[in-house]
């Protein structure tokens, strides 16, 4: 009982500070008091918690929410605390943040907006209408937010964007799908990897590289032999290098060792073979190091030389 009385006393004190600070427009104190009250919520007896929450939300009017967003925009050191409070407030805060995002934000605060909204599953109905916007920027924001939310149902909303006329929208949709680790994401990424547009295929490769730790890497390996666009092919190789598993390194070694010639048309050009070696040099993972040592020993010509140079540079850095 003593603890409950202390909590109530502290709650009353903080509410007084909050109300006084809102009236005085001292928004840094509003943030501090609101955060303390939000963190007090789980300690309130369950039978009183709902009423406590309603009273707290009423104590933070829209002008205060807007001011808290202003503070976080101007002073990055306050953003983590503001995110915690804004997420707790819920949809009233989400509407303010979403309005700011769509007004045309500075790049430096976009991640703050995404962080707030991406941690609020309740904003899903506010975000999905953005996908039908005539403004590609708004559609991209909608796609990015759906990716942050990570809800499986969003895949059905994102898939039609693969046919969007704007390349940046298609890329945003693919990236968003790659952030959703449930539902039909794997099928959607497979579909994107065979898209007619090479930039979309490249985005799909990047998304596959991070989806569930790269468990779909075999799809990227298979595309090495069929991809004809130089930029997209480089993306495939880069993804395999970043993953640096035994399987992906083996695929890169195969590229590096398969020299195209008059009698061997299924091989790879010198530029492609060197790109595979360079991709192996992007990481210090054991599988990549071992593969480079193999190439330095077994390959010929420029491939062997390139692998040896990467290993030598590593040895010099190690002292």
Protein backbone atom coordinates (compact mmCIF):
# COMPACT_ATOMS: atom_id res chain seq x y z
CA UNK A 1 0.00 0.00 0.00
CA UNK A 2 2.85 2.36 0.79
CA UNK A 3 4.26 1.84 -2.70
CA UNK A 4 0.87 2.58 -4.29
CA UNK A 5 0.55 5.78 -2.26
CA UNK A 6 4.03 6.85 -3.35
CA UNK A 7 3.14 6.19 -6.99
CA UNK A 8 -0.03 8.23 -6.71
CA UNK A 9 1.84 11.07 -5.07
CA UNK A 10 4.45 11.02 -7.81
CA UNK A 11 1.74 10.84 -10.45
CA UNK A 12 -0.02 13.92 -9.04
CA UNK A 13 3.27 15.81 -8.89
CA UNK A 14 4.17 14.95 -12.48
CA UNK A 15 0.69 15.88 -13.71
CA UNK A 16 1.07 19.27 -12.06
CA UNK A 17 4.46 19.76 -13.70
CA UNK A 18 3.04 18.64 -17.05
CA UNK A 19 0.04 20.97 -16.89
CA UNK A 20 2.13 23.94 -15.75
CA UNK A 21 4.70 23.30 -18.49
CA UNK A 22 2.04 23.03 -21.22
CA UNK A 23 0.53 26.34 -20.09
CA UNK A 24 3.98 27.91 -19.91
CA UNK A 25 5.04 26.51 -23.31
CA UNK A 26 8.19 25.03 -21.77
CA UNK A 27 8.28 22.05 -24.07
CA UNK A 28 11.47 20.44 -22.77
CA UNK A 29 9.80 20.14 -19.35
CA UNK A 30 6.65 18.82 -21.03
CA UNK A 31 8.74 16.07 -22.63
CA UNK A 32 10.45 15.16 -19.35
CA UNK A 33 7.20 15.05 -17.35
CA UNK A 34 5.32 13.16 -20.07
CA UNK A 35 8.08 10.58 -20.35
CA UNK A 36 8.13 10.05 -16.59
CA UNK A 37 4.36 9.56 -16.59
CA UNK A 38 4.48 7.16 -19.54
CA UNK A 39 7.06 5.08 -17.72
CA UNK A 40 4.90 5.14 -14.63
CA UNK A 41 1.93 3.58 -16.46
CA UNK A 42 3.01 -0.10 -16.04
CA UNK A 43 3.37 0.46 -12.29
CA UNK A 44 -0.18 1.73 -11.88
CA UNK A 45 -2.62 -0.91 -10.53
CA UNK A 46 -4.36 -2.63 -13.43
CA UNK A 47 -7.84 -1.49 -12.40
CA UNK A 48 -6.71 2.16 -12.53
CA UNK A 49 -4.46 1.98 -15.59
CA UNK A 50 -7.05 2.74 -18.27
CA UNK A 51 -8.31 5.83 -16.44
CA UNK A 52 -4.73 6.92 -15.82
CA UNK A 53 -3.97 6.62 -19.54
CA UNK A 54 -7.04 8.61 -20.57
CA UNK A 55 -6.14 11.41 -18.16
CA UNK A 56 -2.56 11.50 -19.37
CA UNK A 57 -3.54 11.70 -23.04
CA UNK A 58 -5.95 14.54 -22.24
CA UNK A 59 -3.11 16.35 -20.51
CA UNK A 60 -1.09 16.35 -23.75
CA UNK A 61 -3.17 18.36 -26.27
CA UNK A 62 -2.41 18.51 -29.98
CA UNK A 63 -0.39 21.73 -29.66
CA UNK A 64 1.82 19.95 -27.13
CA UNK A 65 2.24 16.96 -29.45
CA UNK A 66 3.24 19.29 -32.28
CA UNK A 67 5.70 21.04 -29.98
CA UNK A 68 7.26 17.73 -28.93
CA UNK A 69 7.76 16.88 -32.60
CA UNK A 70 9.32 20.33 -33.09
CA UNK A 71 11.73 19.70 -30.23
CA UNK A 72 12.76 16.33 -31.64
CA UNK A 73 13.22 17.78 -35.12
CA UNK A 74 15.53 20.54 -33.86
CA UNK A 75 17.48 18.66 -31.20
CA UNK A 76 18.43 15.10 -32.04
CA UNK A 77 19.42 14.31 -28.45
CA UNK A 78 15.73 14.44 -27.49
CA UNK A 79 14.50 12.09 -30.22
CA UNK A 80 14.67 8.80 -28.37
CA UNK A 81 12.61 10.20 -25.49
CA UNK A 82 10.15 11.84 -27.88
CA UNK A 83 9.72 8.58 -29.81
CA UNK A 84 8.80 6.76 -26.60
CA UNK A 85 6.20 9.37 -25.66
CA UNK A 86 4.73 9.80 -29.14
CA UNK A 87 4.35 6.07 -29.66
CA UNK A 88 2.55 5.78 -26.35
CA UNK A 89 0.16 8.63 -27.19
CA UNK A 90 -0.90 6.71 -30.28
CA UNK A 91 -2.96 7.84 -33.26
CA UNK A 92 -3.19 11.50 -32.25
CA UNK A 93 0.60 11.66 -32.36
CA UNK A 94 0.74 9.53 -35.51
CA UNK A 95 -1.45 12.01 -37.41
CA UNK A 96 0.88 14.89 -36.51
CA UNK A 97 4.02 12.99 -37.48
CA UNK A 98 2.51 11.70 -40.72
CA UNK A 99 1.44 15.22 -41.70
CA UNK A 100 5.03 16.42 -41.17
CA UNK A 101 6.40 13.58 -43.23
CA UNK A 102 4.09 14.29 -46.16
CA UNK A 103 4.69 18.03 -46.06
CA UNK A 104 8.22 17.42 -47.30
CA UNK A 105 10.65 16.81 -44.52
CA UNK A 106 14.36 17.43 -44.32
CA UNK A 107 16.27 14.23 -44.95
CA UNK A 108 17.87 14.36 -41.51
CA UNK A 109 14.58 13.89 -39.64
CA UNK A 110 12.95 11.35 -41.95
CA UNK A 111 14.38 8.50 -39.93
CA UNK A 112 12.84 10.03 -36.80
CA UNK A 113 9.39 10.10 -38.41
CA UNK A 114 9.82 6.53 -39.65
CA UNK A 115 10.97 5.40 -36.21
CA UNK A 116 7.89 6.86 -34.53
CA UNK A 117 5.37 5.53 -37.03
CA UNK A 118 7.11 2.23 -37.69
CA UNK A 119 6.68 1.24 -34.05
CA UNK A 120 2.90 1.84 -34.03
CA UNK A 121 0.96 -1.04 -35.67
CA UNK A 122 -2.23 0.98 -35.22
CA UNK A 123 -1.18 3.40 -37.98
CA UNK A 124 -1.68 0.75 -40.67
CA UNK A 125 -5.07 2.21 -41.78
CA UNK A 126 -3.48 5.67 -42.02
CA UNK A 127 -0.57 4.46 -44.13
CA UNK A 128 -2.18 2.19 -46.73
CA UNK A 129 -4.09 5.04 -48.49
CA UNK A 130 -0.72 6.61 -49.33
CA UNK A 131 -0.09 3.79 -51.81
CA UNK A 132 -2.84 5.19 -54.04
CA UNK A 133 -1.40 8.71 -54.07
CA UNK A 134 -0.53 10.42 -57.34
CA UNK A 135 2.67 11.69 -55.73
CA UNK A 136 5.48 9.12 -56.01
CA UNK A 137 7.06 10.55 -52.86
CA UNK A 138 3.93 9.84 -50.83
CA UNK A 139 3.73 6.32 -52.24
CA UNK A 140 7.37 5.73 -51.31
CA UNK A 141 6.73 6.92 -47.77
CA UNK A 142 3.75 4.59 -47.54
CA UNK A 143 5.78 1.63 -48.76
CA UNK A 144 8.66 2.38 -46.41
CA UNK A 145 6.33 2.63 -43.44
CA UNK A 146 4.60 -0.64 -44.29
CA UNK A 147 8.01 -2.25 -44.37
CA UNK A 148 8.82 -0.82 -40.95
CA UNK A 149 5.53 -2.09 -39.55
CA UNK A 150 6.39 -5.58 -40.80
CA UNK A 151 2.81 -6.82 -41.02
CA UNK A 152 2.29 -9.81 -43.37
CA UNK A 153 -0.97 -8.35 -44.74
CA UNK A 154 1.03 -5.45 -46.19
CA UNK A 155 2.55 -7.69 -48.87
CA UNK A 156 -0.74 -7.79 -50.76
CA UNK A 157 -0.78 -3.99 -50.64
CA UNK A 158 2.82 -3.68 -51.84
CA UNK A 159 2.81 -6.21 -54.68
CA UNK A 160 0.80 -4.02 -57.11
CA UNK A 161 3.50 -1.36 -56.75
CA UNK A 162 5.89 -3.60 -58.70
CA UNK A 163 3.92 -2.50 -61.77
CA UNK A 164 4.12 1.20 -60.88
CA UNK A 165 5.41 3.46 -63.64
CA UNK A 166 7.89 5.16 -61.28
CA UNK A 167 11.11 3.25 -60.76
CA UNK A 168 11.72 4.72 -57.31
CA UNK A 169 8.31 3.48 -56.17
CA UNK A 170 9.05 -0.04 -57.39
CA UNK A 171 12.37 -0.04 -55.57
CA UNK A 172 10.74 1.25 -52.36
CA UNK A 173 8.12 -1.49 -52.57
CA UNK A 174 10.74 -4.21 -52.99
CA UNK A 175 12.75 -2.90 -50.06
CA UNK A 176 9.62 -2.82 -47.92
CA UNK A 177 8.75 -6.41 -48.81
CA UNK A 178 12.27 -7.37 -47.80
CA UNK A 179 11.60 -6.03 -44.29
CA UNK A 180 8.55 -8.26 -43.80
CA UNK A 181 9.67 -11.64 -42.58
CA UNK A 182 6.37 -13.47 -42.55
CA UNK A 183 3.59 -14.31 -44.99
CA UNK A 184 4.28 -14.43 -48.73
CA UNK A 185 7.38 -12.22 -48.71
CA UNK A 186 9.60 -14.95 -50.20
CA UNK A 187 7.34 -15.39 -53.24
CA UNK A 188 7.12 -11.63 -53.70
CA UNK A 189 10.91 -11.25 -53.64
CA UNK A 190 11.28 -14.11 -56.12
CA UNK A 191 8.84 -12.35 -58.42
CA UNK A 192 10.71 -9.05 -58.10
CA UNK A 193 14.01 -10.74 -58.93
CA UNK A 194 12.57 -11.53 -62.38
CA UNK A 195 11.04 -8.11 -62.99
CA UNK A 196 11.52 -6.61 -66.49
CA UNK A 197 13.27 -3.54 -65.02
CA UNK A 198 16.93 -4.10 -64.03
CA UNK A 199 16.81 -1.54 -61.21
CA UNK A 200 13.93 -3.41 -59.65
CA UNK A 201 15.82 -6.70 -60.02
CA UNK A 202 18.84 -5.11 -58.34
CA UNK A 203 16.65 -3.90 -55.46
CA UNK A 204 15.23 -7.40 -55.13
CA UNK A 205 18.73 -8.85 -54.88
CA UNK A 206 19.61 -6.37 -52.13
CA UNK A 207 16.39 -7.20 -50.26
CA UNK A 208 17.03 -10.92 -50.56
CA UNK A 209 20.49 -10.33 -49.13
CA UNK A 210 19.05 -9.14 -45.82
CA UNK A 211 15.80 -11.14 -45.70
CA UNK A 212 16.03 -13.65 -42.85
CA UNK A 213 19.78 -13.57 -42.91
CA UNK A 214 20.00 -14.37 -46.60
CA UNK A 215 18.18 -17.71 -46.61
CA UNK A 216 17.04 -17.00 -50.18
CA UNK A 217 20.57 -16.45 -51.45
CA UNK A 218 20.21 -19.46 -53.77
CA UNK A 219 17.85 -17.31 -55.87
CA UNK A 220 20.58 -14.74 -56.36
CA UNK A 221 23.10 -17.45 -57.25
CA UNK A 222 20.75 -18.83 -59.90
CA UNK A 223 20.30 -15.36 -61.41
CA UNK A 224 24.02 -14.94 -62.02
CA UNK A 225 23.79 -17.00 -65.19
CA UNK A 226 20.69 -15.31 -66.59
CA UNK A 227 21.14 -11.64 -65.65
CA UNK A 228 22.21 -9.58 -68.67
CA UNK A 229 22.13 -6.05 -67.27
CA UNK A 230 25.56 -4.99 -66.05
CA UNK A 231 24.34 -2.93 -63.08
CA UNK A 232 21.92 -5.58 -61.89
CA UNK A 233 24.55 -8.28 -62.26
CA UNK A 234 26.97 -6.23 -60.13
CA UNK A 235 24.26 -5.99 -57.48
CA UNK A 236 23.89 -9.77 -57.46
CA UNK A 237 27.60 -10.27 -56.96
CA UNK A 238 27.75 -7.60 -54.27
CA UNK A 239 24.96 -9.28 -52.32
CA UNK A 240 26.74 -12.65 -52.44
CA UNK A 241 29.93 -11.02 -51.22
CA UNK A 242 28.20 -9.32 -48.30
CA UNK A 243 26.55 -12.57 -47.23
CA UNK A 244 29.91 -14.36 -47.34
CA UNK A 245 28.57 -17.82 -46.52
CA UNK A 246 30.24 -20.99 -47.72
CA UNK A 247 27.58 -21.31 -50.42
CA UNK A 248 27.76 -17.72 -51.70
CA UNK A 249 31.56 -17.72 -51.67
CA UNK A 250 31.55 -20.96 -53.63
CA UNK A 251 29.28 -19.32 -56.22
CA UNK A 252 31.65 -16.35 -56.50
CA UNK A 253 34.62 -18.69 -56.86
CA UNK A 254 32.80 -20.43 -59.70
CA UNK A 255 32.37 -17.08 -61.45
CA UNK A 256 36.00 -16.12 -60.90
CA UNK A 257 37.27 -19.45 -62.27
CA UNK A 258 34.90 -19.71 -65.25
CA UNK A 259 36.67 -17.87 -68.05
CA UNK A 260 34.64 -17.22 -71.17
CA UNK A 261 36.36 -18.27 -74.39
CA UNK A 262 35.59 -19.14 -77.99
CA UNK A 263 34.95 -22.74 -77.02
CA UNK A 264 33.38 -21.96 -73.64
CA UNK A 265 30.55 -19.49 -74.14
CA UNK A 266 28.94 -20.16 -70.76
CA UNK A 267 31.79 -18.59 -68.83
CA UNK A 268 32.21 -15.03 -67.58
CA UNK A 269 34.09 -12.02 -68.91
CA UNK A 270 37.27 -10.80 -67.27
CA UNK A 271 35.38 -7.83 -65.82
CA UNK A 272 32.81 -10.13 -64.24
CA UNK A 273 35.43 -12.49 -62.86
CA UNK A 274 37.31 -9.59 -61.26
CA UNK A 275 34.02 -8.29 -59.83
CA UNK A 276 33.54 -11.63 -58.10
CA UNK A 277 37.01 -11.39 -56.57
CA UNK A 278 36.34 -7.83 -55.45
CA UNK A 279 33.07 -8.95 -53.82
CA UNK A 280 34.98 -11.56 -51.84
CA UNK A 281 37.30 -8.82 -50.63
CA UNK A 282 34.41 -6.80 -49.17
CA UNK A 283 34.37 -8.83 -45.96
CA UNK A 284 36.77 -10.50 -43.57
CA UNK A 285 34.47 -13.49 -43.08
CA UNK A 286 36.38 -16.80 -42.88
CA UNK A 287 34.59 -18.25 -45.92
CA UNK A 288 35.61 -15.26 -48.05
CA UNK A 289 39.20 -15.35 -46.85
CA UNK A 290 39.45 -19.05 -47.56
CA UNK A 291 38.01 -18.60 -51.03
CA UNK A 292 40.47 -15.81 -51.85
CA UNK A 293 43.35 -18.03 -50.72
CA UNK A 294 42.05 -20.73 -53.02
CA UNK A 295 41.89 -18.30 -55.95
CA UNK A 296 45.37 -16.98 -55.21
CA UNK A 297 46.59 -20.55 -55.36
CA UNK A 298 44.50 -22.14 -58.14
CA UNK A 299 43.38 -19.34 -60.45
CA UNK A 300 45.37 -17.92 -63.33
CA UNK A 301 46.25 -14.51 -64.70
CA UNK A 302 44.46 -11.39 -63.50
CA UNK A 303 42.11 -13.31 -61.19
CA UNK A 304 44.97 -14.85 -59.30
CA UNK A 305 46.76 -11.50 -59.17
CA UNK A 306 43.64 -9.69 -57.86
CA UNK A 307 43.03 -12.27 -55.12
CA UNK A 308 46.68 -12.14 -54.07
CA UNK A 309 46.63 -8.31 -53.89
CA UNK A 310 43.59 -8.35 -51.58
CA UNK A 311 45.21 -10.91 -49.29
CA UNK A 312 48.49 -8.99 -49.27
CA UNK A 313 46.69 -5.78 -48.35
CA UNK A 314 45.05 -7.63 -45.45
CA UNK A 315 48.39 -8.95 -44.28
CA UNK A 316 49.88 -5.45 -44.31
CA UNK A 317 46.96 -4.02 -42.32
CA UNK A 318 47.38 -6.81 -39.77
CA UNK A 319 51.04 -5.83 -39.41
